[in-house]
N, C-alpha and C. Protein backbone atom coordinates (compact mmCIF):
# COMPACT_ATOMS: atom_id res chain seq x y z
N MET A 1 46.15 -19.88 -62.80
CA MET A 1 46.95 -19.94 -62.11
C MET A 1 48.10 -18.52 -61.76
N ARG A 2 47.66 -17.64 -60.31
CA ARG A 2 48.73 -16.21 -61.09
C ARG A 2 49.71 -16.56 -60.68
N VAL A 3 51.29 -15.92 -62.40
CA VAL A 3 51.81 -15.33 -62.08
C VAL A 3 53.02 -14.84 -61.15
N ALA A 4 51.48 -13.22 -62.08
CA ALA A 4 52.72 -12.11 -61.22
C ALA A 4 51.14 -10.68 -60.59
N ARG A 5 51.90 -10.17 -59.63
CA ARG A 5 50.66 -9.21 -59.01
C ARG A 5 51.33 -7.73 -59.38
N SER A 6 50.35 -7.25 -58.98
CA SER A 6 50.94 -5.82 -58.36
C SER A 6 50.36 -4.83 -57.42
N GLU A 7 50.44 -3.89 -57.61
CA GLU A 7 49.38 -2.69 -56.87
C GLU A 7 48.72 -2.73 -57.22
N GLY A 8 48.49 -2.46 -58.41
CA GLY A 8 47.73 -2.10 -59.52
C GLY A 8 46.52 -2.18 -60.09
N CYS A 9 47.66 -4.26 -59.68
CA CYS A 9 46.19 -4.70 -60.63
C CYS A 9 46.84 -6.55 -59.93
N GLU A 10 46.07 -7.02 -59.23
CA GLU A 10 46.11 -8.09 -58.67
C GLU A 10 46.59 -9.30 -59.46
N ASN A 11 46.65 -9.30 -60.98
CA ASN A 11 46.01 -10.10 -61.57
C ASN A 11 46.84 -9.77 -62.76
N GLN A 12 48.13 -9.41 -62.58
CA GLN A 12 49.45 -8.92 -63.48
C GLN A 12 49.32 -9.68 -64.78
N ALA A 13 49.25 -11.00 -64.35
CA ALA A 13 49.63 -12.14 -65.04
C ALA A 13 48.55 -13.47 -64.68
N PHE A 14 48.64 -14.08 -65.97
CA PHE A 14 47.58 -15.91 -64.24
C PHE A 14 47.89 -17.11 -66.15
N LEU A 15 48.11 -18.02 -65.80
CA LEU A 15 48.35 -19.05 -66.40
C LEU A 15 47.26 -19.52 -66.10
N TYR A 16 46.28 -20.29 -67.45
CA TYR A 16 44.99 -21.14 -67.60
C TYR A 16 45.64 -22.95 -67.94
N ASP A 17 45.08 -23.63 -67.51
CA ASP A 17 45.79 -25.01 -68.22
C ASP A 17 47.43 -25.30 -68.80
N GLY A 18 47.44 -24.16 -68.19
CA GLY A 18 48.51 -24.43 -68.42
C GLY A 18 49.27 -24.88 -68.90
N ARG A 19 48.45 -23.96 -70.33
CA ARG A 19 48.84 -23.08 -71.58
C ARG A 19 48.03 -22.61 -72.54
N VAL A 20 46.96 -21.83 -71.85
CA VAL A 20 47.06 -19.83 -71.44
C VAL A 20 47.64 -19.06 -70.94
N LEU A 21 47.85 -18.05 -71.89
CA LEU A 21 49.04 -16.98 -70.55
C LEU A 21 47.90 -15.54 -71.24
N GLY A 22 48.00 -14.80 -70.06
CA GLY A 22 47.14 -13.74 -69.97
C GLY A 22 48.43 -12.59 -69.65
N LEU A 23 48.38 -12.04 -69.92
CA LEU A 23 49.27 -10.48 -69.69
C LEU A 23 48.37 -10.09 -69.28
N GLN A 24 49.27 -8.36 -68.72
CA GLN A 24 48.78 -7.31 -68.23
C GLN A 24 49.34 -6.92 -68.63
N PHE A 25 50.02 -6.40 -69.17
CA PHE A 25 51.41 -5.64 -69.88
C PHE A 25 51.53 -5.75 -71.31
N HIS A 26 52.79 -5.48 -71.75
CA HIS A 26 53.57 -5.86 -72.88
C HIS A 26 54.83 -5.79 -73.14
N LEU A 27 54.71 -7.49 -73.04
CA LEU A 27 56.80 -7.80 -73.48
C LEU A 27 57.14 -7.15 -74.56
N GLU A 28 56.23 -7.35 -75.47
CA GLU A 28 56.38 -7.42 -76.55
C GLU A 28 56.56 -6.10 -77.52
N PHE A 29 57.29 -5.30 -77.38
CA PHE A 29 57.01 -3.65 -77.22
C PHE A 29 58.28 -3.20 -78.16
N THR A 30 59.21 -2.59 -78.72
CA THR A 30 60.30 -2.46 -78.80
C THR A 30 60.71 0.11 -78.93
N PRO A 31 60.67 -0.77 -78.95
CA PRO A 31 60.72 1.67 -78.89
C PRO A 31 59.93 2.04 -80.19
N GLN A 32 61.20 1.29 -81.84
CA GLN A 32 60.02 1.02 -83.21
C GLN A 32 58.06 1.45 -82.53
N SER A 33 57.34 0.06 -82.23
CA SER A 33 56.67 0.20 -82.32
C SER A 33 55.25 0.70 -80.97
N LEU A 34 56.14 0.60 -79.99
CA LEU A 34 55.78 1.89 -79.06
C LEU A 34 55.52 2.56 -79.84
N ALA A 35 56.82 4.20 -80.31
CA ALA A 35 56.97 5.13 -80.76
C ALA A 35 55.56 5.45 -82.46
N ALA A 36 55.96 4.48 -82.68
CA ALA A 36 54.38 4.07 -83.62
C ALA A 36 52.56 4.30 -83.02
N ILE A 37 52.70 3.91 -82.28
CA ILE A 37 51.48 3.58 -80.88
C ILE A 37 50.60 5.18 -80.23
N LEU A 38 52.14 5.42 -80.28
CA LEU A 38 52.51 6.61 -78.43
C LEU A 38 50.74 7.75 -79.51
N PRO A 39 51.57 7.94 -80.78
CA PRO A 39 50.08 9.13 -81.33
C PRO A 39 49.04 8.83 -81.38
N ASN A 40 48.83 7.78 -81.68
CA ASN A 40 47.35 7.31 -81.49
C ASN A 40 46.21 6.42 -80.62
N CYS A 41 47.29 5.69 -79.31
CA CYS A 41 47.27 5.92 -77.82
C CYS A 41 46.92 7.55 -77.16
N ALA A 42 47.64 9.43 -76.82
CA ALA A 42 46.91 9.83 -76.58
C ALA A 42 46.65 9.98 -75.41
N GLY A 43 45.71 10.06 -76.40
CA GLY A 43 44.83 10.76 -75.73
C GLY A 43 43.88 9.57 -74.08
N GLU A 44 44.07 8.37 -74.67
CA GLU A 44 44.39 7.65 -73.36
C GLU A 44 45.83 7.24 -71.98
N LEU A 45 46.47 8.40 -72.54
CA LEU A 45 47.40 8.83 -71.24
C LEU A 45 47.31 10.31 -71.55
N VAL A 46 45.69 9.53 -69.89
CA VAL A 46 45.19 10.05 -68.62
C VAL A 46 46.18 10.11 -67.49
N SER A 47 46.48 11.28 -66.78
CA SER A 47 46.97 10.92 -65.56
C SER A 47 46.50 10.53 -64.05
N GLY A 48 46.66 9.44 -63.92
CA GLY A 48 46.58 8.10 -63.32
C GLY A 48 47.98 7.79 -62.43
N LYS A 49 47.70 7.15 -61.30
CA LYS A 49 48.30 6.96 -60.18
C LYS A 49 48.85 5.14 -61.17
N TYR A 50 47.92 4.69 -61.83
CA TYR A 50 49.10 3.38 -62.28
C TYR A 50 48.81 3.58 -64.07
N ILE A 51 48.94 4.95 -63.79
CA ILE A 51 49.10 5.28 -66.03
C ILE A 51 50.79 5.90 -66.25
N GLN A 52 51.31 5.46 -66.86
CA GLN A 52 52.29 6.27 -67.41
C GLN A 52 51.60 7.00 -68.58
N THR A 53 53.08 7.61 -68.47
CA THR A 53 54.13 9.05 -69.28
C THR A 53 54.28 7.83 -70.54
N ALA A 54 53.82 9.03 -71.73
CA ALA A 54 54.31 8.88 -73.21
C ALA A 54 56.09 8.17 -72.17
N ALA A 55 56.45 10.23 -71.75
CA ALA A 55 58.39 9.70 -70.85
C ALA A 55 58.39 8.58 -70.39
N GLU A 56 57.74 8.32 -69.63
CA GLU A 56 57.92 7.37 -68.56
C GLU A 56 57.56 5.87 -69.31
N MET A 57 57.54 5.93 -70.31
CA MET A 57 57.53 4.44 -71.36
C MET A 57 58.73 4.29 -72.37
N GLN A 58 58.93 5.19 -72.76
CA GLN A 58 59.52 5.62 -74.11
C GLN A 58 61.76 5.17 -72.69
N ARG A 59 61.79 4.46 -72.53
CA ARG A 59 62.90 3.74 -71.49
C ARG A 59 63.74 3.36 -72.21
N PRO A 60 65.44 3.02 -72.32
CA PRO A 60 66.71 2.93 -73.34
C PRO A 60 66.52 1.35 -73.66
N ASP A 61 67.25 1.41 -75.12
CA ASP A 61 66.68 -0.05 -75.69
C ASP A 61 66.75 -1.78 -74.95
N GLU A 62 67.50 -1.35 -74.13
CA GLU A 62 68.87 -1.73 -73.00
C GLU A 62 67.45 -2.76 -72.17
N GLU A 63 66.34 -1.63 -72.06
CA GLU A 63 65.13 -2.43 -71.21
C GLU A 63 63.94 -3.28 -71.43
N PHE A 64 63.95 -2.42 -73.19
CA PHE A 64 63.16 -3.01 -73.96
C PHE A 64 63.82 -4.33 -74.87
N ASN A 65 64.74 -4.08 -74.42
CA ASN A 65 65.42 -6.25 -74.72
C ASN A 65 65.01 -7.13 -74.42
N GLU A 66 65.15 -6.59 -72.28
CA GLU A 66 65.21 -7.89 -72.06
C GLU A 66 63.78 -7.75 -71.65
N MET A 67 62.79 -7.49 -72.23
CA MET A 67 61.72 -7.30 -71.91
C MET A 67 61.51 -8.09 -73.05
N ASN A 68 61.71 -7.91 -74.17
CA ASN A 68 61.56 -8.76 -75.16
C ASN A 68 61.99 -10.31 -75.27
N GLU A 69 62.97 -10.64 -75.09
CA GLU A 69 63.97 -11.93 -74.08
C GLU A 69 63.41 -12.52 -73.37
N ALA A 70 62.05 -11.76 -71.42
CA ALA A 70 61.42 -11.92 -71.26
C ALA A 70 60.38 -12.67 -72.02
N MET A 71 59.56 -12.18 -72.86
CA MET A 71 58.44 -13.17 -73.64
C MET A 71 58.41 -14.23 -74.42
N CYS A 72 60.22 -14.00 -74.99
CA CYS A 72 60.37 -15.73 -75.97
C CYS A 72 60.45 -16.18 -75.48
N GLY A 73 60.49 -16.21 -73.40
CA GLY A 73 61.27 -17.02 -72.96
C GLY A 73 60.08 -17.45 -71.71
N LEU A 74 59.74 -16.52 -72.07
CA LEU A 74 58.34 -17.51 -72.04
C LEU A 74 57.31 -18.10 -72.71
N LEU A 75 57.39 -17.72 -73.86
CA LEU A 75 56.46 -18.17 -75.00
C LEU A 75 57.86 -19.57 -75.29
N ASP A 76 58.76 -19.65 -75.12
CA ASP A 76 59.56 -20.86 -75.12
C ASP A 76 58.59 -22.04 -74.47
N ARG A 77 59.13 -21.27 -72.98
CA ARG A 77 58.36 -22.12 -72.80
C ARG A 77 56.27 -23.28 -72.48
N LEU A 78 55.84 -21.63 -73.13
CA LEU A 78 55.13 -22.40 -72.83
C LEU A 78 54.89 -23.82 -74.57
N ALA A 79 55.26 -23.58 -75.25
CA ALA A 79 55.63 -24.43 -76.53
C ALA A 79 56.45 -26.09 -76.47
N VAL A 80 57.80 -25.78 -74.89
CA VAL A 80 58.02 -26.63 -74.82
C VAL A 80 57.17 -28.21 -73.49
N ASN A 81 55.96 -26.93 -73.46
CA ASN A 81 54.91 -27.93 -72.71
C ASN A 81 54.45 -28.30 -73.13
N GLN A 82 53.94 -27.90 -74.25
CA GLN A 82 53.01 -28.48 -75.24
C GLN A 82 53.76 -29.25 -75.80
N ALA A 83 54.31 -29.76 -75.91
CA ALA A 83 54.53 -30.41 -76.59
C ALA A 83 54.81 -32.07 -76.49
């Protein structure tokens, strides 16, 4: 079951069998983890319609907090469904 889509990715997020969650985005990033990974993947950040620049990925801390809260909510929901 698709749970999220975007213009760039029809299956942005999906749930399989009520217990397998696939995401085509990174809710787990923090400012620190993003800063650590950017130097190692700079070559992958080529110009493209759906590819963010490093500057675009470096968001205010509040936005990372919102992403992390969403991730925790998803994981909690999956855990409850498995209990």
